[in-house]
Amino acid sequence: HREASAAIDRLMRLSGESVHLALFDGFNAVVIARKDNDPAHRSVVTETEHAPAHCTAVGKAMLAFQPEPIIERLCQARLPRFTPTTLADARSLRADLARVAKLGYALDDGEHRVGVRCIGAPIRDRSGLVFAAISVTSAATRLPTKRVAQLAPLVVDAAQDISRRLGWSGTIRPART
């Protein structure tokens, strides 16, 4: 949390949207920090501190880089449907995780909460293990597809900055969307 503070503030200023920092507990994304640009625009995403990994941007950003046994365990468990767009079957989730691994960022397009769109990117520790993620979160009307393409590199840069502060020396470059 301490190492992420400056990146969270910078991402919030650059995006003008809410920023979330989460850790992976094996099944869920545990939100440990939330920063809103405008107190009147409080985050529309989480009322609780735990969010399912299979249908959130921070969760999928972490899950896409986990070892196969962890992904398999989650897929074997029930994947609850929260909205009509929730990826609630293993095949769809695995296809989306492959896309996340290729691009270097995840998208939640109303999968956890209707009308909410989020962009998340993985945070690595010194050894390269993905254990956390950062995201930009907004109402889908404020974050249209064109803006996702503009903000995704900023989210990835923030995640890389935090990872570097934690001792990771690699890089991930998101593919163009």
Protein backbone atom coordinates (compact mmCIF):
# COMPACT_ATOMS: atom_id res chain seq x y z
CA HIS A 1 0.00 0.00 0.00
CA ARG A 2 2.81 2.40 0.90
CA GLU A 3 4.65 1.77 -2.38
CA ALA A 4 1.44 2.25 -4.41
CA SER A 5 0.31 5.57 -2.98
CA ALA A 6 2.02 7.88 -5.50
CA ALA A 7 0.93 5.73 -8.47
CA ILE A 8 -2.67 5.67 -7.22
CA ASP A 9 -2.72 9.46 -6.88
CA ARG A 10 -1.15 9.97 -10.32
CA LEU A 11 -3.54 7.53 -12.01
CA MET A 12 -6.53 9.20 -10.37
CA ARG A 13 -5.36 12.64 -11.57
CA LEU A 14 -4.62 11.47 -15.12
CA SER A 15 -7.82 9.47 -15.55
CA GLY A 16 -10.20 11.63 -13.54
CA GLU A 17 -11.77 8.39 -12.28
CA SER A 18 -11.76 6.23 -9.17
CA VAL A 19 -8.75 3.99 -8.59
CA HIS A 20 -8.73 0.69 -6.69
CA LEU A 21 -5.81 -1.34 -5.38
CA ALA A 22 -6.51 -5.00 -4.59
CA LEU A 23 -4.70 -8.13 -3.41
CA PHE A 24 -5.48 -11.69 -4.57
CA ASP A 25 -6.56 -14.15 -1.86
CA GLY A 26 -6.87 -17.20 -4.11
CA PHE A 27 -10.54 -16.65 -5.01
CA ASN A 28 -11.26 -12.95 -4.56
CA ALA A 29 -9.85 -9.52 -5.15
CA VAL A 30 -9.53 -7.87 -1.74
CA VAL A 31 -9.69 -4.10 -2.16
CA ILE A 32 -7.17 -2.51 0.20
CA ALA A 33 -7.21 1.06 -1.14
CA ARG A 34 -9.75 3.17 -2.98
CA LYS A 35 -9.23 6.75 -4.11
CA ASP A 36 -11.95 8.87 -5.69
CA ASN A 37 -11.14 11.98 -7.72
CA ASP A 38 -14.31 13.76 -6.72
CA PRO A 39 -15.96 12.98 -3.36
CA ALA A 40 -19.33 13.70 -5.01
CA HIS A 41 -18.58 10.89 -7.50
CA ARG A 42 -17.96 8.16 -4.94
CA SER A 43 -16.94 4.84 -6.42
CA VAL A 44 -19.92 2.95 -7.81
CA VAL A 45 -18.23 -0.44 -7.59
CA THR A 46 -17.74 -2.07 -4.24
CA GLU A 47 -19.73 -1.84 -1.06
CA THR A 48 -17.60 -4.60 0.44
CA GLU A 49 -13.87 -5.11 0.45
CA HIS A 50 -14.02 -8.52 -1.29
CA ALA A 51 -14.94 -8.89 -4.96
CA PRO A 52 -14.94 -12.10 -7.01
CA ALA A 53 -11.86 -12.51 -9.18
CA HIS A 54 -13.71 -13.96 -12.20
CA CYS A 55 -15.78 -10.86 -12.94
CA THR A 56 -13.75 -7.84 -11.87
CA ALA A 57 -10.91 -6.10 -13.69
CA VAL A 58 -8.57 -6.29 -10.71
CA GLY A 59 -9.49 -9.93 -10.19
CA LYS A 60 -8.97 -10.97 -13.80
CA ALA A 61 -5.73 -8.95 -14.01
CA MET A 62 -4.40 -11.06 -11.13
CA LEU A 63 -6.01 -14.35 -12.14
CA ALA A 64 -4.64 -14.29 -15.71
CA PHE A 65 -1.10 -14.60 -14.39
CA GLN A 66 -1.68 -17.32 -11.80
CA PRO A 67 -0.43 -20.90 -12.13
CA GLU A 68 -2.83 -23.31 -13.84
CA PRO A 69 -3.82 -25.13 -10.59
CA ILE A 70 -5.14 -21.87 -9.12
CA ILE A 71 -7.16 -21.08 -12.24
CA GLU A 72 -8.45 -24.66 -12.35
CA ARG A 73 -9.49 -24.52 -8.68
CA LEU A 74 -11.43 -21.32 -9.28
CA CYS A 75 -13.05 -22.73 -12.45
CA GLN A 76 -14.08 -25.88 -10.58
CA ALA A 77 -15.74 -23.77 -7.92
CA ARG A 78 -19.03 -22.13 -8.75
CA LEU A 79 -18.59 -18.96 -10.85
CA PRO A 80 -21.58 -16.91 -9.70
CA ARG A 81 -23.39 -14.70 -12.17
CA PHE A 82 -23.85 -11.12 -10.96
CA THR A 83 -25.07 -9.50 -14.19
CA PRO A 84 -26.07 -10.70 -17.67
CA THR A 85 -22.47 -10.13 -18.84
CA THR A 86 -20.73 -12.06 -16.02
CA LEU A 87 -18.39 -14.76 -17.32
CA ALA A 88 -19.94 -17.63 -15.37
CA ASP A 89 -18.47 -20.63 -17.22
CA ALA A 90 -14.89 -21.88 -17.30
CA ARG A 91 -14.53 -21.74 -21.10
CA SER A 92 -15.50 -18.05 -21.34
CA LEU A 93 -13.38 -17.14 -18.35
CA ARG A 94 -10.32 -18.95 -19.71
CA ALA A 95 -10.71 -17.23 -23.09
CA ASP A 96 -10.91 -13.85 -21.38
CA LEU A 97 -7.88 -14.62 -19.19
CA ALA A 98 -5.88 -15.52 -22.31
CA ARG A 99 -6.80 -12.11 -23.76
CA VAL A 100 -5.79 -10.41 -20.51
CA ALA A 101 -2.42 -12.20 -20.50
CA LYS A 102 -1.82 -11.09 -24.10
CA LEU A 103 -2.85 -7.46 -23.61
CA GLY A 104 -1.44 -6.97 -20.12
CA TYR A 105 -4.69 -5.55 -18.74
CA ALA A 106 -8.21 -6.72 -17.90
CA LEU A 107 -11.60 -5.20 -18.58
CA ASP A 108 -14.76 -5.54 -16.53
CA ASP A 109 -17.60 -4.41 -18.76
CA GLY A 110 -20.50 -4.54 -16.32
CA GLU A 111 -19.66 -8.10 -15.26
CA HIS A 112 -19.82 -7.43 -11.53
CA ARG A 113 -22.09 -4.38 -11.43
CA VAL A 114 -24.40 -3.28 -14.24
CA GLY A 115 -23.33 0.04 -15.75
CA VAL A 116 -19.79 -0.05 -14.35
CA ARG A 117 -16.65 -0.40 -16.47
CA CYS A 118 -13.15 -1.00 -15.06
CA ILE A 119 -9.64 -1.42 -16.46
CA GLY A 120 -7.19 -3.38 -14.30
CA ALA A 121 -3.51 -4.29 -14.58
CA PRO A 122 -1.37 -6.75 -12.61
CA ILE A 123 1.20 -5.81 -9.99
CA ARG A 124 4.21 -8.08 -9.52
CA ASP A 125 6.54 -8.64 -6.61
CA ARG A 126 10.34 -8.85 -6.86
CA SER A 127 10.16 -12.43 -8.20
CA GLY A 128 7.54 -11.59 -10.85
CA LEU A 129 4.62 -13.18 -8.99
CA VAL A 130 1.34 -11.34 -9.61
CA PHE A 131 -0.24 -10.77 -6.21
CA ALA A 132 -2.09 -7.48 -6.64
CA ALA A 133 -3.71 -5.24 -9.25
CA ILE A 134 -4.71 -1.63 -9.78
CA SER A 135 -7.74 -0.39 -11.68
CA VAL A 136 -9.56 2.64 -12.98
CA THR A 137 -13.29 2.37 -12.34
CA SER A 138 -16.18 4.44 -13.64
CA ALA A 139 -19.73 4.40 -14.84
CA ALA A 140 -19.73 2.89 -18.33
CA THR A 141 -21.19 6.14 -19.71
CA ARG A 142 -18.06 7.98 -18.52
CA LEU A 143 -15.72 5.26 -19.79
CA PRO A 144 -16.71 4.40 -23.38
CA THR A 145 -14.69 1.94 -25.47
CA LYS A 146 -12.58 4.69 -27.08
CA ARG A 147 -11.58 5.97 -23.64
CA VAL A 148 -10.70 2.43 -22.50
CA ALA A 149 -8.08 2.33 -25.27
CA GLN A 150 -6.68 5.67 -24.04
CA LEU A 151 -6.63 4.78 -20.34
CA ALA A 152 -5.42 1.15 -20.51
CA PRO A 153 -1.75 2.16 -21.07
CA LEU A 154 -1.97 4.52 -18.06
CA VAL A 155 -3.27 1.71 -15.85
CA VAL A 156 -0.52 -0.64 -17.08
CA ASP A 157 2.10 2.07 -16.45
CA ALA A 158 0.81 2.56 -12.89
CA ALA A 159 0.98 -1.20 -12.25
CA GLN A 160 4.51 -1.33 -13.65
CA ASP A 161 5.57 1.61 -11.51
CA ILE A 162 4.32 -0.11 -8.36
CA SER A 163 5.94 -3.39 -9.44
CA ARG A 164 9.28 -1.64 -9.98
CA ARG A 165 9.03 -0.06 -6.53
CA LEU A 166 8.60 -3.59 -5.18
CA GLY A 167 11.76 -4.75 -6.96
CA TRP A 168 10.44 -6.24 -10.22
CA SER A 169 12.61 -5.38 -13.22
CA GLY A 170 10.56 -6.74 -16.15
CA THR A 171 8.06 -4.94 -18.36
CA ILE A 172 4.69 -5.64 -19.93
CA ARG A 173 3.60 -3.69 -22.95
CA PRO A 174 -0.12 -3.82 -23.71
CA ALA A 175 -1.05 -4.66 -27.27
CA ARG A 176 -2.97 -2.03 -29.19
CA THR A 177 -6.74 -2.53 -29.06
